[in-house]
Every structure is written in structure tokens, then in C-alpha cells.
N, C-alpha and C. Protein backbone atom coordinates (compact mmCIF):
# COMPACT_ATOMS: atom_id res chain seq x y z
N UNK A 1 174.36 120.43 95.68
CA UNK A 1 174.33 121.64 94.66
C UNK A 1 175.92 121.56 93.64
N UNK A 2 175.80 121.44 92.42
CA UNK A 2 176.84 121.47 91.58
C UNK A 2 178.12 122.51 91.86
N UNK A 3 179.40 122.35 91.50
CA UNK A 3 179.83 123.27 92.05
C UNK A 3 180.17 124.59 91.07
N UNK A 4 180.44 125.87 91.12
CA UNK A 4 179.99 126.89 90.27
C UNK A 4 180.42 126.66 89.14
N UNK A 5 181.66 126.18 88.72
CA UNK A 5 182.39 125.94 87.40
C UNK A 5 181.60 124.72 86.67
N UNK A 6 180.93 123.97 87.72
CA UNK A 6 180.26 123.26 86.75
C UNK A 6 178.72 123.44 85.92
N UNK A 7 178.16 124.34 86.94
CA UNK A 7 177.00 125.12 87.15
C UNK A 7 177.41 125.63 85.47
N UNK A 8 178.32 126.49 85.03
CA UNK A 8 178.58 127.05 83.93
C UNK A 8 178.99 126.39 82.44
N UNK A 9 179.29 124.97 82.45
CA UNK A 9 179.74 124.18 81.72
C UNK A 9 178.86 124.39 80.48
N UNK A 10 177.55 124.32 80.74
CA UNK A 10 176.28 124.70 79.60
C UNK A 10 176.18 125.98 79.44
N UNK A 11 177.09 127.00 79.39
CA UNK A 11 176.48 128.09 79.14
C UNK A 11 176.67 127.96 77.94
N UNK A 12 175.76 128.62 77.11
CA UNK A 12 175.66 129.42 75.84
C UNK A 12 176.27 130.54 75.88
N UNK A 13 176.76 131.01 74.74
CA UNK A 13 176.86 132.41 74.20
C UNK A 13 175.63 133.57 73.91
N UNK A 14 175.38 134.25 74.78
CA UNK A 14 174.23 135.45 75.43
C UNK A 14 173.45 135.12 73.93
N UNK A 15 172.20 134.90 74.18
CA UNK A 15 171.17 135.00 73.01
C UNK A 15 171.13 136.24 72.40
N UNK A 16 170.93 137.31 72.89
CA UNK A 16 170.38 138.84 72.56
C UNK A 16 169.88 139.59 74.17
N UNK A 17 168.94 140.30 73.57
CA UNK A 17 168.55 140.79 74.69
C UNK A 17 167.25 140.22 75.41
N UNK A 18 167.09 141.10 76.59
CA UNK A 18 165.46 140.84 77.84
C UNK A 18 165.35 142.54 78.03
N UNK A 19 164.71 142.90 78.81
CA UNK A 19 164.62 144.29 79.49
C UNK A 19 163.11 144.47 79.92
N UNK A 20 162.90 145.60 80.26
CA UNK A 20 161.74 145.52 80.93
C UNK A 20 160.17 145.71 80.02
N UNK A 21 160.91 145.07 78.69
CA UNK A 21 159.67 146.05 77.71
C UNK A 21 158.92 144.36 77.69
N UNK A 22 159.68 143.41 78.42
CA UNK A 22 159.39 141.85 77.91
C UNK A 22 157.97 141.69 78.76
N UNK A 23 157.05 141.70 77.97
CA UNK A 23 155.47 141.18 78.56
C UNK A 23 155.06 142.55 79.15
N UNK A 24 155.42 143.74 78.51
CA UNK A 24 154.72 144.97 78.87
C UNK A 24 154.98 145.97 76.94
N UNK A 25 154.21 145.44 76.48
CA UNK A 25 154.04 146.29 75.32
C UNK A 25 153.42 147.99 75.52
N UNK A 26 153.65 148.40 74.60
CA UNK A 26 153.56 149.73 74.47
C UNK A 26 154.10 150.70 75.89
N UNK A 27 155.17 149.77 76.67
CA UNK A 27 155.92 151.07 77.68
C UNK A 27 156.95 151.70 77.40
N UNK A 28 157.34 152.67 77.74
CA UNK A 28 158.22 153.75 76.98
C UNK A 28 159.50 153.36 77.28
N UNK A 29 160.50 153.67 76.20
CA UNK A 29 161.71 153.23 77.06
C UNK A 29 162.55 154.58 76.92
N UNK A 30 163.44 155.21 77.40
CA UNK A 30 164.29 156.48 77.49
C UNK A 30 164.85 156.43 75.95
N UNK A 31 164.64 157.32 75.34
CA UNK A 31 164.98 157.70 74.25
C UNK A 31 166.53 157.44 73.68
N UNK A 32 167.31 157.83 75.06
CA UNK A 32 168.76 157.22 74.83
C UNK A 32 169.00 156.20 75.90
N UNK A 33 170.20 155.12 75.23
CA UNK A 33 170.43 154.43 76.58
C UNK A 33 171.91 154.83 76.97
N UNK A 34 172.01 154.33 78.18
CA UNK A 34 173.36 154.30 78.82
C UNK A 34 173.98 153.14 78.61
N UNK A 35 175.05 152.66 78.34
CA UNK A 35 175.72 151.58 78.61
C UNK A 35 175.86 151.39 80.05
N UNK A 36 176.08 150.07 80.76
CA UNK A 36 176.62 149.97 81.73
C UNK A 36 176.86 148.49 81.80
N UNK A 37 177.35 147.69 83.07
CA UNK A 37 177.43 146.46 83.60
C UNK A 37 177.57 146.06 85.15
N UNK A 38 177.38 144.76 85.12
CA UNK A 38 177.09 144.50 86.69
C UNK A 38 177.88 143.50 87.00
N UNK A 39 178.24 143.04 88.03
CA UNK A 39 178.83 141.34 88.43
C UNK A 39 177.80 140.79 89.21
N UNK A 40 177.40 139.83 88.45
CA UNK A 40 176.69 138.33 88.90
C UNK A 40 177.54 137.75 89.79
N UNK A 41 177.54 138.05 91.04
CA UNK A 41 178.87 137.18 91.91
C UNK A 41 178.42 136.22 92.10
N UNK A 42 179.08 135.09 92.27
CA UNK A 42 178.35 133.62 92.95
C UNK A 42 179.78 133.20 93.80
N UNK A 43 179.15 132.90 95.32
CA UNK A 43 180.16 132.99 95.99
C UNK A 43 180.71 131.39 96.39
N UNK A 44 181.97 130.53 96.17
CA UNK A 44 182.06 129.40 96.60
C UNK A 44 181.60 129.27 97.86
N UNK A 45 180.49 128.82 98.80
CA UNK A 45 180.53 128.47 100.14
C UNK A 45 180.30 127.40 100.19
N UNK A 46 180.82 126.67 101.37
CA UNK A 46 181.00 125.05 101.69
C UNK A 46 179.82 124.45 101.78
N UNK A 47 178.36 125.39 102.04
CA UNK A 47 176.94 124.76 102.00
C UNK A 47 176.21 124.84 100.80
N UNK A 48 177.35 125.33 99.57
CA UNK A 48 176.92 125.62 98.74
C UNK A 48 176.89 126.88 98.03
N UNK A 49 176.70 127.23 96.38
CA UNK A 49 176.82 128.96 96.07
C UNK A 49 175.99 129.77 96.76
N UNK A 50 176.18 130.88 96.50
CA UNK A 50 175.21 132.10 97.42
C UNK A 50 175.38 133.09 95.95
N UNK A 51 174.41 133.75 96.32
CA UNK A 51 174.41 135.03 94.87
C UNK A 51 174.49 136.12 96.23
N UNK A 52 175.87 136.71 95.52
CA UNK A 52 176.02 138.55 96.55
C UNK A 52 174.92 139.77 96.11
N UNK A 53 174.32 140.00 96.61
CA UNK A 53 173.39 141.46 96.43
C UNK A 53 173.60 142.35 97.18
N UNK A 54 173.00 143.77 96.98
CA UNK A 54 173.51 145.09 97.61
C UNK A 54 172.23 145.27 97.59
N UNK A 55 171.77 146.00 98.66
CA UNK A 55 170.65 147.62 98.79
C UNK A 55 171.30 148.62 98.85
N UNK A 56 170.46 149.15 97.56
CA UNK A 56 171.00 150.51 97.47
C UNK A 56 170.56 151.58 98.30
N UNK A 57 171.15 152.38 98.72
CA UNK A 57 170.98 153.65 99.49
C UNK A 57 169.62 154.30 98.95
N UNK A 58 168.93 154.99 99.74
CA UNK A 58 167.28 155.35 99.50
C UNK A 58 167.70 156.76 98.88
N UNK A 59 169.36 157.34 99.13
CA UNK A 59 169.10 159.30 98.25
C UNK A 59 169.74 158.62 97.06
N UNK A 60 169.43 157.56 96.49
CA UNK A 60 170.22 157.83 94.98
C UNK A 60 169.04 158.09 94.17
N UNK A 61 169.25 158.85 93.03
CA UNK A 61 168.96 159.53 92.08
C UNK A 61 168.11 158.44 91.23
N UNK A 62 168.96 157.18 90.72
CA UNK A 62 168.36 156.01 89.88
C UNK A 62 168.39 155.00 90.79
N UNK A 63 167.09 154.01 91.06
CA UNK A 63 166.84 152.61 91.33
C UNK A 63 167.01 152.98 93.32
N UNK A 64 166.55 154.23 93.99
CA UNK A 64 167.14 154.07 95.29
C UNK A 64 166.43 153.02 96.25
N UNK A 65 167.26 152.54 97.12
CA UNK A 65 166.65 151.57 97.90
C UNK A 65 166.05 150.32 97.49
N UNK A 66 166.74 149.75 96.17
CA UNK A 66 166.07 148.37 95.20
C UNK A 66 167.19 147.61 95.56
N UNK A 67 167.06 146.57 95.62
CA UNK A 67 168.27 145.42 95.80
C UNK A 67 168.84 145.32 94.10
N UNK A 68 170.17 145.19 94.08
CA UNK A 68 170.90 145.59 92.95
C UNK A 68 171.58 144.15 92.86
N UNK A 69 172.62 144.28 91.52
CA UNK A 69 173.76 143.65 91.51
C UNK A 69 175.04 145.21 91.50
N UNK A 70 176.30 144.81 92.09
CA UNK A 70 177.09 145.79 92.10
C UNK A 70 177.42 146.24 90.63
N UNK A 71 177.44 147.11 90.34
CA UNK A 71 177.74 147.85 88.94
C UNK A 71 177.26 148.94 88.42
N UNK A 72 177.25 149.87 87.61
CA UNK A 72 176.97 150.92 87.10
C UNK A 72 177.74 151.27 85.85
N UNK A 73 177.67 152.45 85.47
CA UNK A 73 178.04 153.39 83.77
C UNK A 73 178.88 152.80 83.97
N UNK A 74 179.16 152.74 82.13
CA UNK A 74 180.24 152.61 81.66
C UNK A 74 181.46 153.49 81.76
N UNK A 75 182.35 153.80 82.13
CA UNK A 75 183.47 155.36 81.98
C UNK A 75 184.43 155.16 80.41
N UNK A 76 184.61 155.83 79.74
CA UNK A 76 185.97 156.27 78.95
C UNK A 76 187.11 155.12 79.05
N UNK A 77 187.54 155.22 80.24
CA UNK A 77 188.62 154.44 80.48
C UNK A 77 188.60 152.90 80.33
N UNK A 78 187.10 152.37 80.69
CA UNK A 78 186.68 150.88 80.86
C UNK A 78 186.92 150.36 79.27
N UNK A 79 187.85 148.83 79.37
CA UNK A 79 188.44 148.65 77.81
C UNK A 79 187.13 147.28 77.97
N UNK A 80 186.10 147.28 78.30
CA UNK A 80 184.72 146.39 78.07
C UNK A 80 183.88 146.30 79.29
N UNK A 81 183.34 145.30 78.93
CA UNK A 81 181.31 145.31 80.51
C UNK A 81 182.48 144.75 81.15
N UNK A 82 183.83 143.81 81.19
CA UNK A 82 184.24 142.95 82.17
C UNK A 82 185.05 144.21 83.22
N UNK A 83 185.60 145.29 82.38
CA UNK A 83 186.02 145.96 83.08
C UNK A 83 185.16 146.64 83.72
N UNK A 84 184.12 147.18 83.31
CA UNK A 84 183.32 148.28 84.27
C UNK A 84 182.56 147.34 85.04
N UNK A 85 182.12 145.91 85.03
CA UNK A 85 181.51 145.65 86.21
C UNK A 85 182.60 145.53 87.22
N UNK A 86 183.95 144.43 87.52
CA UNK A 86 184.88 144.51 88.23
C UNK A 86 185.55 146.40 89.06
N UNK A 87 185.17 147.15 87.59
CA UNK A 87 185.68 148.49 88.66
C UNK A 87 184.49 148.93 89.62
N UNK A 88 183.73 148.86 89.30
CA UNK A 88 182.19 149.21 89.90
C UNK A 88 182.18 148.24 91.40
N UNK A 89 182.47 147.08 91.48
CA UNK A 89 182.41 146.28 92.30
C UNK A 89 183.28 146.66 93.50
N UNK A 90 184.60 146.93 92.89
CA UNK A 90 185.62 147.07 93.60
C UNK A 90 184.99 148.87 94.77
N UNK A 91 184.44 149.55 93.66
CA UNK A 91 184.51 151.15 94.37
C UNK A 91 182.65 150.66 95.36
N UNK A 92 181.90 150.07 94.85
CA UNK A 92 180.75 149.82 95.70
C UNK A 92 180.77 149.30 96.75
N UNK A 93 181.58 148.40 96.79
CA UNK A 93 181.50 147.01 97.85
C UNK A 93 183.25 146.59 98.45
N UNK A 94 184.33 147.39 97.79
CA UNK A 94 185.01 147.33 97.89
C UNK A 94 185.70 145.21 97.91
N UNK A 95 185.32 144.68 97.13
CA UNK A 95 185.42 143.76 96.84
C UNK A 95 186.88 143.48 95.84
N UNK A 96 187.48 142.82 96.36
CA UNK A 96 189.16 143.25 94.90
C UNK A 96 188.82 141.83 93.87
N UNK A 97 189.33 142.68 92.99
CA UNK A 97 189.44 141.04 91.92
C UNK A 97 190.16 140.41 91.79
N UNK A 98 190.84 140.28 92.57
CA UNK A 98 191.85 139.24 93.30
C UNK A 98 190.98 137.90 93.43
N UNK A 99 190.10 138.18 94.12
CA UNK A 99 189.08 136.58 94.53
C UNK A 99 188.29 136.52 93.02
N UNK A 100 187.89 137.17 92.11
CA UNK A 100 186.88 137.50 91.54
C UNK A 100 187.66 136.38 89.82
N UNK A 101 186.68 135.68 89.71
CA UNK A 101 187.21 134.50 88.21
C UNK A 101 185.92 135.04 87.47
N UNK A 102 185.70 135.45 86.71
CA UNK A 102 184.77 135.99 85.01
C UNK A 102 184.40 134.65 84.62
N UNK A 103 182.66 133.86 84.27
CA UNK A 103 182.74 132.74 83.82
C UNK A 103 182.01 133.29 82.72
N UNK A 104 181.50 134.43 82.28
CA UNK A 104 180.78 134.39 81.29
C UNK A 104 179.47 135.59 81.35
N UNK A 105 178.38 135.59 80.76
CA UNK A 105 177.70 136.71 80.50
C UNK A 105 176.77 136.85 80.29
N UNK A 106 174.97 137.06 81.05
CA UNK A 106 173.92 136.68 80.31
C UNK A 106 173.59 138.04 79.17
N UNK A 107 172.17 137.81 78.79
CA UNK A 107 171.68 138.59 78.03
C UNK A 107 171.92 139.83 77.86
N UNK A 108 172.34 140.74 77.36
CA UNK A 108 172.16 142.24 77.85
C UNK A 108 170.93 142.81 78.10
N UNK A 109 170.66 143.57 79.39
CA UNK A 109 169.21 143.84 79.40
C UNK A 109 168.89 145.59 79.23
N UNK A 110 168.01 145.92 78.59
CA UNK A 110 167.14 147.07 78.65
C UNK A 110 166.52 147.45 80.09
N UNK A 111 166.64 148.59 80.15
CA UNK A 111 165.81 148.84 81.26
C UNK A 111 165.07 150.44 80.81
N UNK A 112 163.78 150.46 81.78
CA UNK A 112 162.63 151.46 80.86
C UNK A 112 163.42 152.83 81.27
N UNK A 113 164.59 152.97 82.10
CA UNK A 113 165.12 154.44 82.89
C UNK A 113 166.52 154.24 81.92
N UNK A 114 166.40 153.48 81.05
CA UNK A 114 167.55 154.03 80.02
C UNK A 114 168.96 153.41 80.07
N UNK A 115 168.94 152.22 80.81
CA UNK A 115 170.38 151.43 80.58
C UNK A 115 170.79 150.60 79.78
N UNK A 116 171.14 150.14 79.47
CA UNK A 116 171.63 148.66 78.50
C UNK A 116 172.81 147.99 78.77
N UNK A 117 172.36 147.33 79.94
CA UNK A 117 173.33 146.54 81.13
C UNK A 117 174.04 145.41 80.86
N UNK A 118 174.97 145.07 80.53
CA UNK A 118 175.73 143.72 80.65
C UNK A 118 175.99 143.16 82.04
N UNK A 119 175.27 141.95 82.22
CA UNK A 119 175.53 141.26 83.34
C UNK A 119 176.52 140.18 83.62
N UNK A 120 177.60 140.50 83.91
CA UNK A 120 178.83 139.55 84.12
C UNK A 120 179.03 138.78 84.95
N UNK A 121 179.04 137.21 84.60
CA UNK A 121 178.91 136.57 85.63
C UNK A 121 180.54 135.72 86.10
N UNK A 122 179.94 135.88 87.45
CA UNK A 122 181.82 135.62 88.05
C UNK A 122 181.94 134.51 89.53
N UNK A 123 182.60 133.94 89.17
CA UNK A 123 182.97 133.11 90.80
C UNK A 123 183.80 133.99 92.03
N UNK A 124 183.27 134.08 93.03
CA UNK A 124 184.17 134.53 94.38
C UNK A 124 184.20 133.86 94.59
N UNK A 125 185.71 133.75 95.08
CA UNK A 125 186.70 132.95 96.22
C UNK A 125 186.51 133.57 97.30
N UNK A 126 186.18 132.69 98.54
CA UNK A 126 186.27 133.46 99.68
C UNK A 126 187.61 132.84 100.47
N UNK A 127 188.30 133.16 101.39
CA UNK A 127 187.58 134.73 102.27
C UNK A 127 187.86 136.16 101.33
N UNK A 128 187.09 136.87 102.06
CA UNK A 128 187.03 138.31 101.42
C UNK A 128 186.91 139.31 102.32
N UNK A 129 187.59 140.27 101.92
CA UNK A 129 186.23 141.52 103.03
C UNK A 129 186.10 142.64 102.12
N UNK A 130 184.54 143.15 102.56
CA UNK A 130 183.76 143.46 101.73
C UNK A 130 184.16 145.27 102.28
N UNK A 131 184.18 146.22 102.09
CA UNK A 131 184.15 147.56 102.63
C UNK A 131 182.90 148.49 101.71
N UNK A 132 181.68 148.52 101.85
CA UNK A 132 180.46 149.02 101.17
C UNK A 132 181.18 150.61 100.82
N UNK A 133 180.31 151.19 100.08
CA UNK A 133 180.80 152.82 99.93
C UNK A 133 179.02 152.98 100.76
N UNK A 134 179.02 153.84 101.83
CA UNK A 134 177.62 154.11 102.32
C UNK A 134 177.01 155.08 101.48
N UNK A 135 177.47 155.71 100.51
CA UNK A 135 176.96 156.47 99.71
C UNK A 135 176.45 155.94 98.63
N UNK A 136 176.42 154.52 98.38
CA UNK A 136 175.82 154.02 97.51
C UNK A 136 175.13 152.84 97.99
N UNK A 137 175.55 152.29 99.02
CA UNK A 137 175.20 150.82 99.20
C UNK A 137 174.44 150.91 100.82
N UNK A 138 173.53 150.51 101.44
CA UNK A 138 172.96 150.14 102.38
C UNK A 138 173.53 148.73 103.54
N UNK A 139 172.96 147.83 102.28
CA UNK A 139 173.69 146.94 103.18
C UNK A 139 173.86 145.60 101.98
N UNK A 140 174.74 144.51 102.14
CA UNK A 140 175.46 143.82 101.16
C UNK A 140 174.90 142.39 101.72
N UNK A 141 174.29 141.37 100.78
CA UNK A 141 173.73 140.18 101.78
C UNK A 141 174.15 138.97 100.41
N UNK A 142 173.63 138.03 101.20
CA UNK A 142 173.80 136.50 99.86
C UNK A 142 172.52 135.92 100.23
N UNK A 143 171.86 135.34 99.06
CA UNK A 143 171.49 134.38 98.59
C UNK A 143 171.82 133.10 98.36
N UNK A 144 171.02 132.12 98.74
CA UNK A 144 171.66 130.72 97.89
C UNK A 144 171.08 130.37 96.81
N UNK A 145 172.23 129.99 95.83
CA UNK A 145 171.88 129.46 94.63
C UNK A 145 170.41 129.15 94.41
N UNK A 146 170.52 128.18 95.20
CA UNK A 146 169.81 126.71 95.09
C UNK A 146 168.02 127.54 95.57
N UNK A 147 167.83 128.75 95.88
CA UNK A 147 166.87 129.57 96.54
C UNK A 147 166.03 130.14 94.83
N UNK A 148 167.26 130.53 94.36
CA UNK A 148 166.91 131.57 92.59
C UNK A 148 166.76 130.77 91.97
N UNK A 149 167.47 129.42 92.00
CA UNK A 149 167.22 128.46 90.95
C UNK A 149 165.49 127.32 91.24
N UNK A 150 165.28 127.87 92.44
CA UNK A 150 163.88 126.74 92.79
C UNK A 150 162.87 128.05 91.55
N UNK A 151 161.77 127.52 90.85
CA UNK A 151 161.25 128.07 90.74
C UNK A 151 160.03 128.29 91.31
N UNK A 152 159.79 127.83 92.27
CA UNK A 152 159.00 128.28 93.35
C UNK A 152 159.25 129.53 94.10
N UNK A 153 160.47 130.23 94.03
CA UNK A 153 161.30 131.38 94.22
C UNK A 153 160.49 132.48 94.24
N UNK A 154 160.18 132.40 92.54
CA UNK A 154 159.78 133.77 92.25
C UNK A 154 158.46 133.51 91.26
N UNK A 155 157.39 134.85 91.51
CA UNK A 155 156.56 134.96 90.99
C UNK A 155 156.26 136.54 90.28
N UNK A 156 155.50 136.50 89.28
CA UNK A 156 155.36 137.26 88.30
C UNK A 156 154.45 138.42 88.73
N UNK A 157 154.77 139.45 89.05
CA UNK A 157 153.52 140.51 89.56
C UNK A 157 153.07 141.54 88.98
N UNK A 158 152.06 142.32 89.12
CA UNK A 158 152.07 143.31 88.16
C UNK A 158 151.68 144.83 89.49
N UNK A 159 151.73 145.56 88.48
CA UNK A 159 151.33 147.38 89.49
C UNK A 159 150.78 147.91 88.10
N UNK A 160 150.09 149.26 88.56
CA UNK A 160 149.67 150.46 87.77
C UNK A 160 150.87 150.99 87.81
N UNK A 161 151.27 151.32 86.41
CA UNK A 161 152.18 152.41 86.31
C UNK A 161 152.09 152.99 84.89
N UNK A 162 151.92 154.43 85.30
CA UNK A 162 151.32 155.61 83.66
C UNK A 162 150.11 154.94 83.46
N UNK A 163 148.81 154.40 84.09
CA UNK A 163 147.70 154.07 83.88
C UNK A 163 147.51 152.65 83.16
N UNK A 164 148.89 152.38 83.29
CA UNK A 164 148.31 150.51 82.45
C UNK A 164 149.18 149.82 83.58
N UNK A 165 148.56 148.62 83.28
CA UNK A 165 149.37 147.32 84.33
C UNK A 165 150.35 146.90 83.43
N UNK A 166 151.27 146.79 84.69
CA UNK A 166 152.82 146.53 84.02
C UNK A 166 153.47 145.38 84.86
N UNK A 167 153.92 144.10 84.10
CA UNK A 167 154.28 143.21 84.52
C UNK A 167 155.98 142.92 84.79
N UNK A 168 156.30 142.45 85.95
CA UNK A 168 157.48 142.07 86.36
C UNK A 168 158.07 140.74 87.42
N UNK A 169 159.31 140.31 87.07
CA UNK A 169 159.64 139.07 87.62
C UNK A 169 159.99 139.76 89.56
N UNK A 170 159.86 138.79 90.21
CA UNK A 170 159.94 139.21 91.49
C UNK A 170 160.35 138.03 92.44
N UNK A 171 161.88 138.04 93.66
CA UNK A 171 162.03 137.06 94.11
C UNK A 171 161.59 137.60 95.69
N UNK A 172 161.07 137.55 96.16
CA UNK A 172 160.94 137.52 97.81
C UNK A 172 161.61 136.67 98.78
N UNK A 173 162.22 137.64 99.24
CA UNK A 173 163.35 136.79 99.98
C UNK A 173 163.58 137.28 101.65
N UNK A 174 162.57 136.59 102.34
CA UNK A 174 162.53 137.19 103.94
C UNK A 174 162.11 138.59 103.55
N UNK A 175 163.14 139.30 104.56
CA UNK A 175 162.28 141.25 104.35
C UNK A 175 163.04 141.64 103.56
N UNK A 176 163.79 141.00 102.11
CA UNK A 176 164.39 141.31 100.57
C UNK A 176 163.06 141.35 100.13
N UNK A 177 163.21 142.23 98.97
CA UNK A 177 162.18 142.19 97.57
C UNK A 177 163.05 142.30 96.17
N UNK A 178 163.56 141.42 95.76
CA UNK A 178 164.35 141.13 94.89
C UNK A 178 163.48 141.60 93.31
N UNK A 179 163.55 142.55 92.89
CA UNK A 179 162.51 142.64 91.69
C UNK A 179 163.15 143.36 90.23
N UNK A 180 162.31 144.09 89.39
CA UNK A 180 162.90 144.56 88.54
C UNK A 180 164.05 144.31 87.38
N UNK A 181 164.42 145.06 87.31
CA UNK A 181 165.93 144.51 86.13
C UNK A 181 166.72 143.27 87.11
N UNK A 182 166.80 143.17 88.25
CA UNK A 182 167.66 142.61 88.91
C UNK A 182 166.82 141.13 88.58
N UNK A 183 165.77 140.93 88.54
CA UNK A 183 164.75 139.58 88.97
C UNK A 183 164.93 139.79 87.75
N UNK A 184 164.79 140.38 86.47
CA UNK A 184 164.88 139.83 85.26
C UNK A 184 166.16 139.33 85.08
N UNK A 185 167.33 139.87 85.45
CA UNK A 185 168.50 138.94 85.20
C UNK A 185 168.54 137.57 85.39
N UNK A 186 168.31 137.75 86.78
CA UNK A 186 168.40 136.39 87.93
C UNK A 186 167.27 135.37 87.15
N UNK A 187 166.04 135.93 86.32
CA UNK A 187 165.27 134.66 85.64
C UNK A 187 166.25 134.05 84.33
N UNK A 188 166.87 135.08 83.52
CA UNK A 188 168.07 134.61 83.13
C UNK A 188 169.33 133.29 83.15
N UNK A 189 169.30 133.98 84.60
CA UNK A 189 170.52 133.52 85.25
C UNK A 189 169.74 131.77 85.05
N UNK A 190 168.57 131.59 85.73
CA UNK A 190 167.98 130.29 85.87
C UNK A 190 167.90 129.54 84.59
N UNK A 191 167.15 130.10 83.43
CA UNK A 191 167.20 129.71 81.62
C UNK A 191 168.58 129.11 81.83
N UNK A 192 169.61 129.84 81.70
CA UNK A 192 170.95 129.15 81.62
C UNK A 192 171.34 128.10 82.38
N UNK A 193 171.14 128.22 83.62
CA UNK A 193 171.59 127.10 84.72
C UNK A 193 170.75 125.59 85.04
N UNK A 194 169.44 126.42 84.74
CA UNK A 194 168.00 125.02 84.56
C UNK A 194 167.77 125.30 85.92
N UNK A 195 166.67 124.50 86.34
CA UNK A 195 166.14 124.24 87.29
C UNK A 195 166.92 123.64 88.38
N UNK A 196 166.83 123.63 89.87
CA UNK A 196 167.87 123.06 91.14
C UNK A 196 167.62 121.51 90.41
N UNK A 197 168.26 120.72 90.57
CA UNK A 197 167.99 118.79 90.26
C UNK A 197 167.66 118.46 91.63
């Protein structure tokens, strides 16, 4: 597997927007969008890069229990999406920004629930200590980047929602089920980096 910096040498500027509407014509999006940002943390491990993800706690109002990237809503004091992603990552999982090198960003992702999310891709340098906020994060785990980049790892699934079939990407990984906006952003990451060689 190539080094993380090499993976992003080919990274183009973000092409535009993606979202829950992709492949779901007629799906209603919340009328007002709230700006948010997430960190897509690629960890430099000796055995190859991994991707850090969180399992949200079950009591949260939005996306409870789902697998997600660390991140959240833009605050007035945040200078930009990078500042939001770094602040939220530190608040949610205790990962200090001194271990993080921002590499770029993916396409903005629009969720059905009314978020306009900027995914900020970064390299994370171990060793580091994580202190997950128990009010927001149930677990933190890593997935090999090679698993995400393997086309056999992702599936296009469908469920009935509000009387219609709705389609979404998913990455089943052991007892974890990565789907929805997070999986959509991972497909974008695959598009940027290409399949495993």
C-alpha cells in the first residue's frame, strides 16, 4: 500500500456536490441546510494506512448509533471547514490537532436531514491518545484503507422509506455497518484514490 501522502498526489480539487439525492430522485431534503464538517482521518500504520471511524451513541438526536467520521456543525468562531473538523474531532474523540496534517477535501455532501458537510481528509501521525466523549461516541475503531478501496467491500443497498425504494452505499465490516452519508463520502474517497493496486 502506498504512503498516505503519495495517495493524495493525484487528488483533484473537489468537483462539486454529492449527497443522499444521488440515485434517489424525488427524495425530499430539509428546506434549510446547516453547514458542517467532518475529518476523514487516515492513520499512518506500519501495516498500511487505516481509516478512523466512530460509532455514535444511541441517545443522540441525529444519526444515533450510526458509524460516522468525527465532526459536526460549524460554529460562528470557526474560520473554515478545516477549523470545524479539527475542533469537533478534538471535542468528540480527544485527538489533538498536533497529530493531524490536513491533505485536502472531498466533495461537499448534502444529507437528507439537512446538513451540508465538507469532508476534510487528513493524515494522522501515531502515537496518539484518544479520549472519546461518552455523550457522543460509543466506540472508536479503525478500518484498513485497503478494505475501503477494494470494490468488493461496498454494496449498493435499498430500503423502503416513506413509501418508496431508496438506495444507498454500505460497507459491511465485521459487526460494523457503515452506510448513509459516511459510506457516500467513502465512495468519493475511492473515486479520488482509485482502486487498490
